[in-house]
């Protein structure tokens, strides 16, 4: 579908020049000669992108941006300011107010087309990401934040750290300075009691954020993070995480929904550990690991994890876990090959959890 671009510009020559360049590149053009007319045209036509001059009669560009941000249907429409090169203070003000980009006058046609293309792509990426119930498709979100880059390109510009099994990522009580994005491997977060026993709080796998809760709450880490399986992690500085959250309120809402979901899951897990039977606790632990880490559905899923860690997820003693796993094997719910656990009757195992 042809993209609609609204140009708000009081100089006829500049208006015609921009229109001609964009029309040649296949865009549908809407025009407005002042700010007030621009707001009305945007509301009536719903453009895919808006290019707006700053200094205009009737209503300047700042007022236009302010008005459009109050409109629910237009508040996420990419907004690009036109500005003379010597108006750097105006540019800074515009970006602080929420503009997505700016084009300096006089402009190069290639620069104009590049800005338009990048902003439209970011807008599409954001719509896809915000349209889902979670942030699993992080490539799209980082494409939005990372100047049009894919995750691989985005990661190449920052520190990538490799962690070995049992290596610590961060510790309880320390201050967060980074957001961790798991490219490969598995990580657990846990709390340790005075007797040295671990309680696993959460599990993370490929394409998961780790450590974002302390950043959102502006607190120290309430748990420690340790590698379960050799991991490769992109280290994203706190400042970039804050940009990710604060740049758009809908993106922030997604992170807060993740936070709320995490809290709910932890509450349910604690309730289960307190009141479920031993068999149900172990079944929940096994299914939790499958649901979390069974990415390739065409392959048989095998749980390769220490019995101590699985017992920590279940909230039971290791000896009790081993005994229950043996019972499950005898009942043909699972198979155990060396240290690996393979679910052989998922239907019955889930029925055990639901009863």
C-alpha atoms as a PDB file:
ATOM      1  CA  UNK A   1       0.000   0.000   0.000  1.00  0.00           C
ATOM      2  CA  UNK A   2       1.263   3.480  -0.917  1.00  0.00           C
ATOM      3  CA  UNK A   3       2.484   5.415   2.132  1.00  0.00           C
ATOM      4  CA  UNK A   4       0.988   8.854   2.775  1.00  0.00           C
ATOM      5  CA  UNK A   5       3.314  11.671   3.791  1.00  0.00           C
ATOM      6  CA  UNK A   6       2.026  15.007   5.045  1.00  0.00           C
ATOM      7  CA  UNK A   7       4.232  18.033   4.357  1.00  0.00           C
ATOM      8  CA  UNK A   8       3.545  21.144   6.449  1.00  0.00           C
ATOM      9  CA  UNK A   9       5.555  24.018   4.961  1.00  0.00           C
ATOM     10  CA  UNK A  10       4.732  27.677   4.271  1.00  0.00           C
ATOM     11  CA  UNK A  11       7.438  28.139   1.603  1.00  0.00           C
ATOM     12  CA  UNK A  12       5.925  27.058  -1.770  1.00  0.00           C
ATOM     13  CA  UNK A  13       9.302  26.344  -3.394  1.00  0.00           C
ATOM     14  CA  UNK A  14      10.446  24.059  -0.578  1.00  0.00           C
ATOM     15  CA  UNK A  15       7.029  22.399  -0.509  1.00  0.00           C
ATOM     16  CA  UNK A  16       7.158  21.660  -4.259  1.00  0.00           C
ATOM     17  CA  UNK A  17      10.734  20.411  -4.063  1.00  0.00           C
ATOM     18  CA  UNK A  18      10.014  17.951  -1.263  1.00  0.00           C
ATOM     19  CA  UNK A  19       6.767  16.819  -2.889  1.00  0.00           C
ATOM     20  CA  UNK A  20       8.420  16.113  -6.226  1.00  0.00           C
ATOM     21  CA  UNK A  21      11.247  14.081  -4.694  1.00  0.00           C
ATOM     22  CA  UNK A  22       8.913  11.965  -2.571  1.00  0.00           C
ATOM     23  CA  UNK A  23       6.360  11.438  -5.334  1.00  0.00           C
ATOM     24  CA  UNK A  24       9.120  10.167  -7.632  1.00  0.00           C
ATOM     25  CA  UNK A  25       9.948   7.615  -4.941  1.00  0.00           C
ATOM     26  CA  UNK A  26       6.359   6.359  -4.874  1.00  0.00           C
ATOM     27  CA  UNK A  27       4.841   8.202  -1.899  1.00  0.00           C
ATOM     28  CA  UNK A  28       1.400   9.817  -1.799  1.00  0.00           C
ATOM     29  CA  UNK A  29       1.730  13.467  -0.758  1.00  0.00           C
ATOM     30  CA  UNK A  30      -0.585  15.569   1.410  1.00  0.00           C
ATOM     31  CA  UNK A  31       0.104  19.310   1.721  1.00  0.00           C
ATOM     32  CA  UNK A  32      -0.586  22.024   4.289  1.00  0.00           C
ATOM     33  CA  UNK A  33       0.656  25.628   4.146  1.00  0.00           C
ATOM     34  CA  UNK A  34       0.510  26.394   7.876  1.00  0.00           C
ATOM     35  CA  UNK A  35       0.408  24.615  11.211  1.00  0.00           C
ATOM     36  CA  UNK A  36      -3.337  24.853  11.798  1.00  0.00           C
ATOM     37  CA  UNK A  37      -4.094  23.458   8.367  1.00  0.00           C
ATOM     38  CA  UNK A  38      -1.498  20.751   8.970  1.00  0.00           C
ATOM     39  CA  UNK A  39      -3.170  19.539  12.165  1.00  0.00           C
ATOM     40  CA  UNK A  40      -6.563  19.417  10.436  1.00  0.00           C
ATOM     41  CA  UNK A  41      -5.130  17.523   7.445  1.00  0.00           C
ATOM     42  CA  UNK A  42      -3.403  15.011   9.720  1.00  0.00           C
ATOM     43  CA  UNK A  43      -6.559  14.346  11.736  1.00  0.00           C
ATOM     44  CA  UNK A  44      -8.696  13.936   8.605  1.00  0.00           C
ATOM     45  CA  UNK A  45      -6.280  11.801   6.571  1.00  0.00           C
ATOM     46  CA  UNK A  46      -4.101   9.831   9.020  1.00  0.00           C
ATOM     47  CA  UNK A  47      -0.716  10.121   7.267  1.00  0.00           C
ATOM     48  CA  UNK A  48       2.023   7.533   7.759  1.00  0.00           C
ATOM     49  CA  UNK A  49       4.655  10.239   8.343  1.00  0.00           C
ATOM     50  CA  UNK A  50       4.677  14.009   8.861  1.00  0.00           C
ATOM     51  CA  UNK A  51       7.363  16.457   7.724  1.00  0.00           C
ATOM     52  CA  UNK A  52       6.869  19.842   9.369  1.00  0.00           C
ATOM     53  CA  UNK A  53       8.643  23.198   9.247  1.00  0.00           C
ATOM     54  CA  UNK A  54       9.363  24.838  12.606  1.00  0.00           C
ATOM     55  CA  UNK A  55       8.791  28.516  11.886  1.00  0.00           C
ATOM     56  CA  UNK A  56       5.361  29.030  10.297  1.00  0.00           C
ATOM     57  CA  UNK A  57       2.438  31.449  10.542  1.00  0.00           C
ATOM     58  CA  UNK A  58      -0.771  30.713  12.494  1.00  0.00           C
ATOM     59  CA  UNK A  59       0.774  27.776  14.383  1.00  0.00           C
ATOM     60  CA  UNK A  60       4.479  26.866  14.557  1.00  0.00           C
ATOM     61  CA  UNK A  61       5.892  23.345  14.325  1.00  0.00           C
ATOM     62  CA  UNK A  62       6.180  22.898  18.085  1.00  0.00           C
ATOM     63  CA  UNK A  63       2.475  23.577  18.525  1.00  0.00           C
ATOM     64  CA  UNK A  64       1.663  21.158  15.703  1.00  0.00           C
ATOM     65  CA  UNK A  65       3.673  18.408  17.389  1.00  0.00           C
ATOM     66  CA  UNK A  66       2.019  19.152  20.737  1.00  0.00           C
ATOM     67  CA  UNK A  67      -1.465  18.955  19.225  1.00  0.00           C
ATOM     68  CA  UNK A  68      -0.791  15.700  17.382  1.00  0.00           C
ATOM     69  CA  UNK A  69       0.716  14.011  20.425  1.00  0.00           C
ATOM     70  CA  UNK A  70      -2.591  14.567  22.225  1.00  0.00           C
ATOM     71  CA  UNK A  71      -4.396  12.642  19.472  1.00  0.00           C
ATOM     72  CA  UNK A  72      -4.454   8.922  20.271  1.00  0.00           C
ATOM     73  CA  UNK A  73      -4.499   7.890  16.609  1.00  0.00           C
ATOM     74  CA  UNK A  74      -1.610  10.160  15.621  1.00  0.00           C
ATOM     75  CA  UNK A  75       0.649  10.242  18.674  1.00  0.00           C
ATOM     76  CA  UNK A  76       2.900   7.481  17.291  1.00  0.00           C
ATOM     77  CA  UNK A  77       3.032   8.806  13.733  1.00  0.00           C
ATOM     78  CA  UNK A  78       6.683   9.546  12.812  1.00  0.00           C
ATOM     79  CA  UNK A  79       7.255  13.311  13.005  1.00  0.00           C
ATOM     80  CA  UNK A  80      10.219  14.960  11.234  1.00  0.00           C
ATOM     81  CA  UNK A  81      11.095  18.626  11.621  1.00  0.00           C
ATOM     82  CA  UNK A  82      12.436  20.836   8.825  1.00  0.00           C
ATOM     83  CA  UNK A  83      14.996  23.260  10.206  1.00  0.00           C
ATOM     84  CA  UNK A  84      17.665  25.635   8.949  1.00  0.00           C
ATOM     85  CA  UNK A  85      21.174  24.464   9.852  1.00  0.00           C
ATOM     86  CA  UNK A  86      21.747  27.410  12.162  1.00  0.00           C
ATOM     87  CA  UNK A  87      18.675  26.616  14.275  1.00  0.00           C
ATOM     88  CA  UNK A  88      20.385  24.002  16.503  1.00  0.00           C
ATOM     89  CA  UNK A  89      18.581  25.213  19.616  1.00  0.00           C
ATOM     90  CA  UNK A  90      15.286  24.759  17.793  1.00  0.00           C
ATOM     91  CA  UNK A  91      16.312  21.257  16.726  1.00  0.00           C
ATOM     92  CA  UNK A  92      17.210  20.282  20.298  1.00  0.00           C
ATOM     93  CA  UNK A  93      13.916  21.637  21.573  1.00  0.00           C
ATOM     94  CA  UNK A  94      12.005  19.724  18.919  1.00  0.00           C
ATOM     95  CA  UNK A  95      13.667  16.422  19.766  1.00  0.00           C
ATOM     96  CA  UNK A  96      13.014  16.971  23.468  1.00  0.00           C
ATOM     97  CA  UNK A  97       9.339  17.536  22.687  1.00  0.00           C
ATOM     98  CA  UNK A  98       9.156  14.161  20.965  1.00  0.00           C
ATOM     99  CA  UNK A  99      10.081  14.652  17.311  1.00  0.00           C
ATOM    100  CA  UNK A 100      11.610  11.557  15.711  1.00  0.00           C
ATOM    101  CA  UNK A 101      14.139  13.267  13.450  1.00  0.00           C
ATOM    102  CA  UNK A 102      14.934  16.466  11.583  1.00  0.00           C
ATOM    103  CA  UNK A 103      16.049  17.502   8.099  1.00  0.00           C
ATOM    104  CA  UNK A 104      18.288  20.536   7.686  1.00  0.00           C
ATOM    105  CA  UNK A 105      17.497  23.177   5.072  1.00  0.00           C
ATOM    106  CA  UNK A 106      18.848  23.259   2.418  1.00  0.00           C
ATOM    107  CA  UNK A 107      18.659  19.473   2.242  1.00  0.00           C
ATOM    108  CA  UNK A 108      20.157  16.771   0.078  1.00  0.00           C
ATOM    109  CA  UNK A 109      17.495  14.651  -1.699  1.00  0.00           C
ATOM    110  CA  UNK A 110      19.260  11.445  -0.630  1.00  0.00           C
ATOM    111  CA  UNK A 111      19.213  12.544   3.015  1.00  0.00           C
ATOM    112  CA  UNK A 112      15.498  13.308   2.746  1.00  0.00           C
ATOM    113  CA  UNK A 113      14.699   9.885   1.286  1.00  0.00           C
ATOM    114  CA  UNK A 114      16.882   8.099   3.850  1.00  0.00           C
ATOM    115  CA  UNK A 115      15.208   9.826   6.785  1.00  0.00           C
ATOM    116  CA  UNK A 116      11.747   9.049   5.435  1.00  0.00           C
ATOM    117  CA  UNK A 117      12.585   5.397   4.740  1.00  0.00           C
ATOM    118  CA  UNK A 118      14.201   4.798   8.149  1.00  0.00           C
ATOM    119  CA  UNK A 119      11.366   6.445  10.089  1.00  0.00           C
ATOM    120  CA  UNK A 120       8.673   4.525   8.202  1.00  0.00           C
ATOM    121  CA  UNK A 121      10.502   1.230   8.822  1.00  0.00           C
ATOM    122  CA  UNK A 122      10.837   2.021  12.516  1.00  0.00           C
ATOM    123  CA  UNK A 123       7.166   2.861  12.703  1.00  0.00           C
ATOM    124  CA  UNK A 124       6.234  -0.492  11.157  1.00  0.00           C
ATOM    125  CA  UNK A 125       8.592  -2.316  13.521  1.00  0.00           C
ATOM    126  CA  UNK A 126       7.080  -0.575  16.522  1.00  0.00           C
ATOM    127  CA  UNK A 127       3.541  -1.401  15.414  1.00  0.00           C
ATOM    128  CA  UNK A 128       4.429  -5.085  15.055  1.00  0.00           C
ATOM    129  CA  UNK A 129       6.104  -5.207  18.455  1.00  0.00           C
ATOM    130  CA  UNK A 130       3.348  -3.319  20.254  1.00  0.00           C
ATOM    131  CA  UNK A 131       0.740  -5.450  18.564  1.00  0.00           C
ATOM    132  CA  UNK A 132       1.984  -8.581  20.311  1.00  0.00           C
ATOM    133  CA  UNK A 133       1.343  -9.639  23.895  1.00  0.00           C
ATOM    134  CA  UNK A 134       5.025  -9.859  24.787  1.00  0.00           C
ATOM    135  CA  UNK A 135       8.476  -8.776  23.686  1.00  0.00           C
ATOM    136  CA  UNK A 136       9.713 -12.048  22.246  1.00  0.00           C
ATOM    137  CA  UNK A 137      10.351 -10.431  18.873  1.00  0.00           C
ATOM    138  CA  UNK A 138      13.066  -8.201  20.253  1.00  0.00           C
ATOM    139  CA  UNK A 139      14.671  -7.753  16.835  1.00  0.00           C
ATOM    140  CA  UNK A 140      11.770  -5.505  15.910  1.00  0.00           C
ATOM    141  CA  UNK A 141      12.025  -3.439  19.077  1.00  0.00           C
ATOM    142  CA  UNK A 142      15.778  -2.976  18.785  1.00  0.00           C
ATOM    143  CA  UNK A 143      15.263  -2.052  15.132  1.00  0.00           C
ATOM    144  CA  UNK A 144      13.046   0.771  16.403  1.00  0.00           C
ATOM    145  CA  UNK A 145      15.512   1.951  19.027  1.00  0.00           C
ATOM    146  CA  UNK A 146      18.806   1.159  17.344  1.00  0.00           C
ATOM    147  CA  UNK A 147      18.688   3.545  14.403  1.00  0.00           C
ATOM    148  CA  UNK A 148      17.194   1.014  12.028  1.00  0.00           C
ATOM    149  CA  UNK A 149      19.642  -1.765  12.898  1.00  0.00           C
ATOM    150  CA  UNK A 150      18.899  -5.433  13.352  1.00  0.00           C
ATOM    151  CA  UNK A 151      19.777  -7.130  16.624  1.00  0.00           C
ATOM    152  CA  UNK A 152      23.033  -8.440  15.156  1.00  0.00           C
ATOM    153  CA  UNK A 153      24.077  -4.960  14.001  1.00  0.00           C
ATOM    154  CA  UNK A 154      22.804  -3.448  17.236  1.00  0.00           C
ATOM    155  CA  UNK A 155      24.838  -5.933  19.273  1.00  0.00           C
ATOM    156  CA  UNK A 156      27.992  -5.364  17.256  1.00  0.00           C
ATOM    157  CA  UNK A 157      28.145  -1.823  18.580  1.00  0.00           C
ATOM    158  CA  UNK A 158      28.244  -2.847  22.216  1.00  0.00           C
ATOM    159  CA  UNK A 159      29.862  -5.303  24.557  1.00  0.00           C
ATOM    160  CA  UNK A 160      29.072  -8.968  24.028  1.00  0.00           C
ATOM    161  CA  UNK A 161      30.160 -11.109  26.955  1.00  0.00           C
ATOM    162  CA  UNK A 162      30.494 -14.871  27.074  1.00  0.00           C
ATOM    163  CA  UNK A 163      29.696 -16.544  30.384  1.00  0.00           C
ATOM    164  CA  UNK A 164      30.602 -20.070  31.418  1.00  0.00           C
ATOM    165  CA  UNK A 165      28.278 -22.429  33.264  1.00  0.00           C
ATOM    166  CA  UNK A 166      27.867 -21.456  36.958  1.00  0.00           C
ATOM    167  CA  UNK A 167      29.411 -18.019  36.344  1.00  0.00           C
ATOM    168  CA  UNK A 168      27.709 -15.090  38.104  1.00  0.00           C
ATOM    169  CA  UNK A 169      26.067 -12.386  35.980  1.00  0.00           C
ATOM    170  CA  UNK A 170      25.074 -10.132  38.890  1.00  0.00           C
ATOM    171  CA  UNK A 171      24.596 -10.512  42.635  1.00  0.00           C
ATOM    172  CA  UNK A 172      21.801  -9.709  45.047  1.00  0.00           C
ATOM    173  CA  UNK A 173      22.195  -6.265  46.633  1.00  0.00           C
ATOM    174  CA  UNK A 174      24.354  -4.784  43.860  1.00  0.00           C
ATOM    175  CA  UNK A 175      23.298  -1.732  41.835  1.00  0.00           C
ATOM    176  CA  UNK A 176      22.222  -2.303  38.209  1.00  0.00           C
ATOM    177  CA  UNK A 177      24.188  -0.572  35.462  1.00  0.00           C
ATOM    178  CA  UNK A 178      23.113  -2.596  32.444  1.00  0.00           C
ATOM    179  CA  UNK A 179      20.297  -4.480  30.788  1.00  0.00           C
ATOM    180  CA  UNK A 180      21.239  -8.041  29.801  1.00  0.00           C
ATOM    181  CA  UNK A 181      19.930  -9.486  26.552  1.00  0.00           C
ATOM    182  CA  UNK A 182      20.483 -13.234  26.255  1.00  0.00           C
ATOM    183  CA  UNK A 183      21.690 -14.186  22.780  1.00  0.00           C
ATOM    184  CA  UNK A 184      22.446 -17.789  23.656  1.00  0.00           C
ATOM    185  CA  UNK A 185      22.347 -20.107  26.654  1.00  0.00           C
ATOM    186  CA  UNK A 186      20.359 -20.196  29.893  1.00  0.00           C
ATOM    187  CA  UNK A 187      20.389 -18.098  33.060  1.00  0.00           C
ATOM    188  CA  UNK A 188      18.672 -18.538  36.422  1.00  0.00           C
ATOM    189  CA  UNK A 189      17.940 -15.884  39.019  1.00  0.00           C
ATOM    190  CA  UNK A 190      17.822 -17.082  42.610  1.00  0.00           C
ATOM    191  CA  UNK A 191      17.793 -16.123  46.280  1.00  0.00           C
ATOM    192  CA  UNK A 192      19.958 -17.932  48.817  1.00  0.00           C
ATOM    193  CA  UNK A 193      18.870 -18.451  52.426  1.00  0.00           C
ATOM    194  CA  UNK A 194      21.072 -18.456  55.530  1.00  0.00           C
ATOM    195  CA  UNK A 195      21.599 -22.207  55.199  1.00  0.00           C
ATOM    196  CA  UNK A 196      23.013 -21.784  51.702  1.00  0.00           C
ATOM    197  CA  UNK A 197      19.982 -23.253  49.951  1.00  0.00           C
ATOM    198  CA  UNK A 198      18.954 -21.656  46.652  1.00  0.00           C
ATOM    199  CA  UNK A 199      15.410 -20.818  45.598  1.00  0.00           C
ATOM    200  CA  UNK A 200      15.172 -20.227  41.842  1.00  0.00           C
ATOM    201  CA  UNK A 201      13.136 -17.086  41.179  1.00  0.00           C
ATOM    202  CA  UNK A 202      13.100 -17.051  37.374  1.00  0.00           C
ATOM    203  CA  UNK A 203      14.531 -18.674  34.256  1.00  0.00           C
ATOM    204  CA  UNK A 204      15.812 -16.943  31.122  1.00  0.00           C
ATOM    205  CA  UNK A 205      16.634 -18.242  27.660  1.00  0.00           C
ATOM    206  CA  UNK A 206      17.470 -17.003  24.193  1.00  0.00           C
ATOM    207  CA  UNK A 207      15.906 -13.604  23.324  1.00  0.00           C
ATOM    208  CA  UNK A 208      15.038 -12.812  26.960  1.00  0.00           C
ATOM    209  CA  UNK A 209      15.823  -9.647  28.885  1.00  0.00           C
ATOM    210  CA  UNK A 210      17.445 -10.223  32.250  1.00  0.00           C
ATOM    211  CA  UNK A 211      17.890  -7.711  35.069  1.00  0.00           C
ATOM    212  CA  UNK A 212      15.278  -5.240  33.848  1.00  0.00           C
ATOM    213  CA  UNK A 213      13.168  -5.321  37.021  1.00  0.00           C
ATOM    214  CA  UNK A 214      15.782  -3.554  39.176  1.00  0.00           C
ATOM    215  CA  UNK A 215      16.242  -0.979  36.413  1.00  0.00           C
ATOM    216  CA  UNK A 216      12.504  -0.315  36.213  1.00  0.00           C
ATOM    217  CA  UNK A 217      12.202  -0.037  39.992  1.00  0.00           C
ATOM    218  CA  UNK A 218      15.461   1.949  40.405  1.00  0.00           C
ATOM    219  CA  UNK A 219      16.544  -0.422  43.181  1.00  0.00           C
ATOM    220  CA  UNK A 220      19.334  -2.884  43.835  1.00  0.00           C
ATOM    221  CA  UNK A 221      19.016  -6.429  42.529  1.00  0.00           C
ATOM    222  CA  UNK A 222      16.729  -8.468  44.769  1.00  0.00           C
ATOM    223  CA  UNK A 223      18.228 -11.747  43.537  1.00  0.00           C
ATOM    224  CA  UNK A 224      21.411 -13.092  41.991  1.00  0.00           C
ATOM    225  CA  UNK A 225      21.823 -14.311  38.406  1.00  0.00           C
ATOM    226  CA  UNK A 226      23.902 -17.336  37.469  1.00  0.00           C
ATOM    227  CA  UNK A 227      24.518 -19.133  34.185  1.00  0.00           C
ATOM    228  CA  UNK A 228      22.895 -22.563  33.824  1.00  0.00           C
ATOM    229  CA  UNK A 229      24.335 -23.240  30.390  1.00  0.00           C
ATOM    230  CA  UNK A 230      27.207 -21.432  28.628  1.00  0.00           C
ATOM    231  CA  UNK A 231      25.738 -18.094  27.589  1.00  0.00           C
ATOM    232  CA  UNK A 232      26.407 -15.187  25.271  1.00  0.00           C
ATOM    233  CA  UNK A 233      24.934 -11.906  26.480  1.00  0.00           C
ATOM    234  CA  UNK A 234      24.625  -8.432  24.964  1.00  0.00           C
ATOM    235  CA  UNK A 235      25.331  -5.813  27.613  1.00  0.00           C
ATOM    236  CA  UNK A 236      23.095  -2.790  27.001  1.00  0.00           C
ATOM    237  CA  UNK A 237      23.980   0.270  29.129  1.00  0.00           C
ATOM    238  CA  UNK A 238      21.373   1.591  31.540  1.00  0.00           C
ATOM    239  CA  UNK A 239      21.081   4.838  29.545  1.00  0.00           C
ATOM    240  CA  UNK A 240      20.013   2.943  26.416  1.00  0.00           C
ATOM    241  CA  UNK A 241      17.492   0.932  28.401  1.00  0.00           C
ATOM    242  CA  UNK A 242      15.978   4.169  29.679  1.00  0.00           C
ATOM    243  CA  UNK A 243      15.755   5.417  26.096  1.00  0.00           C
ATOM    244  CA  UNK A 244      14.034   2.168  25.186  1.00  0.00           C
ATOM    245  CA  UNK A 245      11.463   2.698  27.940  1.00  0.00           C
ATOM    246  CA  UNK A 246      10.918   6.431  27.872  1.00  0.00           C
ATOM    247  CA  UNK A 247      10.947   7.073  24.149  1.00  0.00           C
ATOM    248  CA  UNK A 248       7.396   5.849  23.729  1.00  0.00           C
ATOM    249  CA  UNK A 249       4.830   5.262  26.447  1.00  0.00           C
ATOM    250  CA  UNK A 250       3.451   2.161  24.724  1.00  0.00           C
ATOM    251  CA  UNK A 251       6.884   0.566  24.750  1.00  0.00           C
ATOM    252  CA  UNK A 252       7.104   1.436  28.456  1.00  0.00           C
ATOM    253  CA  UNK A 253       3.704  -0.165  28.974  1.00  0.00           C
ATOM    254  CA  UNK A 254       5.004  -3.393  27.466  1.00  0.00           C
ATOM    255  CA  UNK A 255       7.900  -3.495  29.913  1.00  0.00           C
ATOM    256  CA  UNK A 256       5.612  -2.783  32.834  1.00  0.00           C
ATOM    257  CA  UNK A 257       3.316  -5.560  31.647  1.00  0.00           C
ATOM    258  CA  UNK A 258       6.340  -7.853  31.635  1.00  0.00           C
ATOM    259  CA  UNK A 259       7.053  -6.723  35.192  1.00  0.00           C
ATOM    260  CA  UNK A 260       3.455  -7.353  36.274  1.00  0.00           C
ATOM    261  CA  UNK A 261       3.459 -10.773  34.589  1.00  0.00           C
ATOM    262  CA  UNK A 262       6.704 -11.661  36.363  1.00  0.00           C
ATOM    263  CA  UNK A 263       5.254 -10.699  39.740  1.00  0.00           C
ATOM    264  CA  UNK A 264       2.098 -12.750  39.108  1.00  0.00           C
ATOM    265  CA  UNK A 265       4.077 -15.804  38.016  1.00  0.00           C
ATOM    266  CA  UNK A 266       6.277 -15.598  41.105  1.00  0.00           C
ATOM    267  CA  UNK A 267       3.239 -15.320  43.377  1.00  0.00           C
ATOM    268  CA  UNK A 268       1.636 -18.369  41.740  1.00  0.00           C
ATOM    269  CA  UNK A 269       4.888 -20.303  42.010  1.00  0.00           C
ATOM    270  CA  UNK A 270       5.207 -19.524  45.706  1.00  0.00           C
ATOM    271  CA  UNK A 271       1.594 -20.526  46.322  1.00  0.00           C
ATOM    272  CA  UNK A 272       2.222 -23.782  44.480  1.00  0.00           C
ATOM    273  CA  UNK A 273       5.337 -24.505  46.486  1.00  0.00           C
ATOM    274  CA  UNK A 274       3.430 -23.848  49.695  1.00  0.00           C
ATOM    275  CA  UNK A 275       0.265 -25.851  48.990  1.00  0.00           C
ATOM    276  CA  UNK A 276       0.818 -28.300  46.105  1.00  0.00           C
ATOM    277  CA  UNK A 277       1.523 -31.964  46.680  1.00  0.00           C
ATOM    278  CA  UNK A 278       5.050 -33.193  46.018  1.00  0.00           C
ATOM    279  CA  UNK A 279       4.004 -34.883  42.769  1.00  0.00           C
ATOM    280  CA  UNK A 280       2.338 -31.732  41.524  1.00  0.00           C
ATOM    281  CA  UNK A 281       5.361 -29.583  42.435  1.00  0.00           C
ATOM    282  CA  UNK A 282       7.693 -31.818  40.452  1.00  0.00           C
ATOM    283  CA  UNK A 283       5.322 -32.005  37.481  1.00  0.00           C
ATOM    284  CA  UNK A 284       5.049 -28.204  37.441  1.00  0.00           C
ATOM    285  CA  UNK A 285       8.865 -27.882  37.517  1.00  0.00           C
ATOM    286  CA  UNK A 286       9.346 -30.302  34.614  1.00  0.00           C
ATOM    287  CA  UNK A 287       6.644 -28.659  32.485  1.00  0.00           C
ATOM    288  CA  UNK A 288       7.947 -25.183  33.326  1.00  0.00           C
ATOM    289  CA  UNK A 289      11.345 -26.127  31.910  1.00  0.00           C
ATOM    290  CA  UNK A 290       9.751 -27.581  28.771  1.00  0.00           C
ATOM    291  CA  UNK A 291       7.538 -24.553  28.202  1.00  0.00           C
ATOM    292  CA  UNK A 292      10.483 -22.222  28.729  1.00  0.00           C
ATOM    293  CA  UNK A 293      13.204 -23.927  26.726  1.00  0.00           C
ATOM    294  CA  UNK A 294      11.539 -26.129  24.091  1.00  0.00           C
ATOM    295  CA  UNK A 295      12.155 -23.803  21.159  1.00  0.00           C
ATOM    296  CA  UNK A 296      12.451 -26.231  18.260  1.00  0.00           C
ATOM    297  CA  UNK A 297       9.131 -28.110  18.386  1.00  0.00           C
ATOM    298  CA  UNK A 298      10.316 -30.619  15.770  1.00  0.00           C
ATOM    299  CA  UNK A 299      13.035 -31.941  18.095  1.00  0.00           C
ATOM    300  CA  UNK A 300      12.513 -34.135  21.155  1.00  0.00           C
ATOM    301  CA  UNK A 301      12.995 -31.940  24.217  1.00  0.00           C
ATOM    302  CA  UNK A 302      15.484 -33.138  26.797  1.00  0.00           C
ATOM    303  CA  UNK A 303      15.939 -31.495  30.201  1.00  0.00           C
ATOM    304  CA  UNK A 304      19.651 -31.456  30.974  1.00  0.00           C
ATOM    305  CA  UNK A 305      19.825 -29.773  34.347  1.00  0.00           C
ATOM    306  CA  UNK A 306      21.172 -30.696  37.757  1.00  0.00           C
ATOM    307  CA  UNK A 307      18.698 -32.300  40.126  1.00  0.00           C
ATOM    308  CA  UNK A 308      19.537 -29.570  42.661  1.00  0.00           C
ATOM    309  CA  UNK A 309      18.356 -26.859  40.254  1.00  0.00           C
ATOM    310  CA  UNK A 310      15.170 -28.717  39.342  1.00  0.00           C
ATOM    311  CA  UNK A 311      14.472 -29.272  43.046  1.00  0.00           C
ATOM    312  CA  UNK A 312      14.962 -25.531  43.608  1.00  0.00           C
ATOM    313  CA  UNK A 313      12.394 -24.771  40.897  1.00  0.00           C
ATOM    314  CA  UNK A 314       9.971 -27.247  42.453  1.00  0.00           C
ATOM    315  CA  UNK A 315      10.615 -25.965  45.973  1.00  0.00           C
ATOM    316  CA  UNK A 316      11.432 -29.352  47.422  1.00  0.00           C
ATOM    317  CA  UNK A 317      14.405 -31.361  48.665  1.00  0.00           C
ATOM    318  CA  UNK A 318      16.671 -32.946  46.070  1.00  0.00           C
ATOM    319  CA  UNK A 319      16.079 -36.423  47.507  1.00  0.00           C
ATOM    320  CA  UNK A 320      12.298 -35.966  47.230  1.00  0.00           C
ATOM    321  CA  UNK A 321      12.639 -34.776  43.642  1.00  0.00           C
ATOM    322  CA  UNK A 322      14.746 -37.790  42.636  1.00  0.00           C
ATOM    323  CA  UNK A 323      12.266 -40.169  44.221  1.00  0.00           C
ATOM    324  CA  UNK A 324       9.307 -38.514  42.451  1.00  0.00           C
ATOM    325  CA  UNK A 325      11.082 -38.489  39.092  1.00  0.00           C
ATOM    326  CA  UNK A 326      11.667 -42.217  39.534  1.00  0.00           C
ATOM    327  CA  UNK A 327       7.929 -42.671  40.180  1.00  0.00           C
ATOM    328  CA  UNK A 328       7.112 -40.661  37.030  1.00  0.00           C
ATOM    329  CA  UNK A 329       9.448 -42.887  35.031  1.00  0.00           C
ATOM    330  CA  UNK A 330       7.782 -46.040  36.343  1.00  0.00           C
ATOM    331  CA  UNK A 331       4.405 -44.535  35.375  1.00  0.00           C
ATOM    332  CA  UNK A 332       5.811 -43.822  31.893  1.00  0.00           C
ATOM    333  CA  UNK A 333       5.211 -40.078  32.210  1.00  0.00           C
ATOM    334  CA  UNK A 334       8.898 -39.395  31.605  1.00  0.00           C
ATOM    335  CA  UNK A 335      12.028 -41.240  30.582  1.00  0.00           C
ATOM    336  CA  UNK A 336      15.446 -40.718  32.185  1.00  0.00           C
ATOM    337  CA  UNK A 337      18.545 -41.278  30.070  1.00  0.00           C
ATOM    338  CA  UNK A 338      21.670 -40.697  32.111  1.00  0.00           C
ATOM    339  CA  UNK A 339      20.983 -37.189  33.530  1.00  0.00           C
ATOM    340  CA  UNK A 340      18.502 -36.161  30.820  1.00  0.00           C
ATOM    341  CA  UNK A 341      14.751 -36.069  31.442  1.00  0.00           C
ATOM    342  CA  UNK A 342      12.433 -36.622  28.451  1.00  0.00           C
ATOM    343  CA  UNK A 343       8.676 -36.158  28.728  1.00  0.00           C
ATOM    344  CA  UNK A 344       6.942 -39.191  27.213  1.00  0.00           C
ATOM    345  CA  UNK A 345       3.323 -38.476  28.164  1.00  0.00           C
ATOM    346  CA  UNK A 346       2.791 -34.741  28.330  1.00  0.00           C
ATOM    347  CA  UNK A 347      -1.004 -35.027  28.381  1.00  0.00           C
ATOM    348  CA  UNK A 348      -1.052 -37.060  31.610  1.00  0.00           C
ATOM    349  CA  UNK A 349       1.633 -34.898  33.155  1.00  0.00           C
ATOM    350  CA  UNK A 350      -0.404 -31.748  32.511  1.00  0.00           C
ATOM    351  CA  UNK A 351      -3.519 -33.480  33.823  1.00  0.00           C
ATOM    352  CA  UNK A 352      -1.621 -34.115  37.034  1.00  0.00           C
ATOM    353  CA  UNK A 353      -0.902 -30.384  37.309  1.00  0.00           C
ATOM    354  CA  UNK A 354      -4.484 -29.304  36.567  1.00  0.00           C
ATOM    355  CA  UNK A 355      -6.094 -31.654  39.100  1.00  0.00           C
END
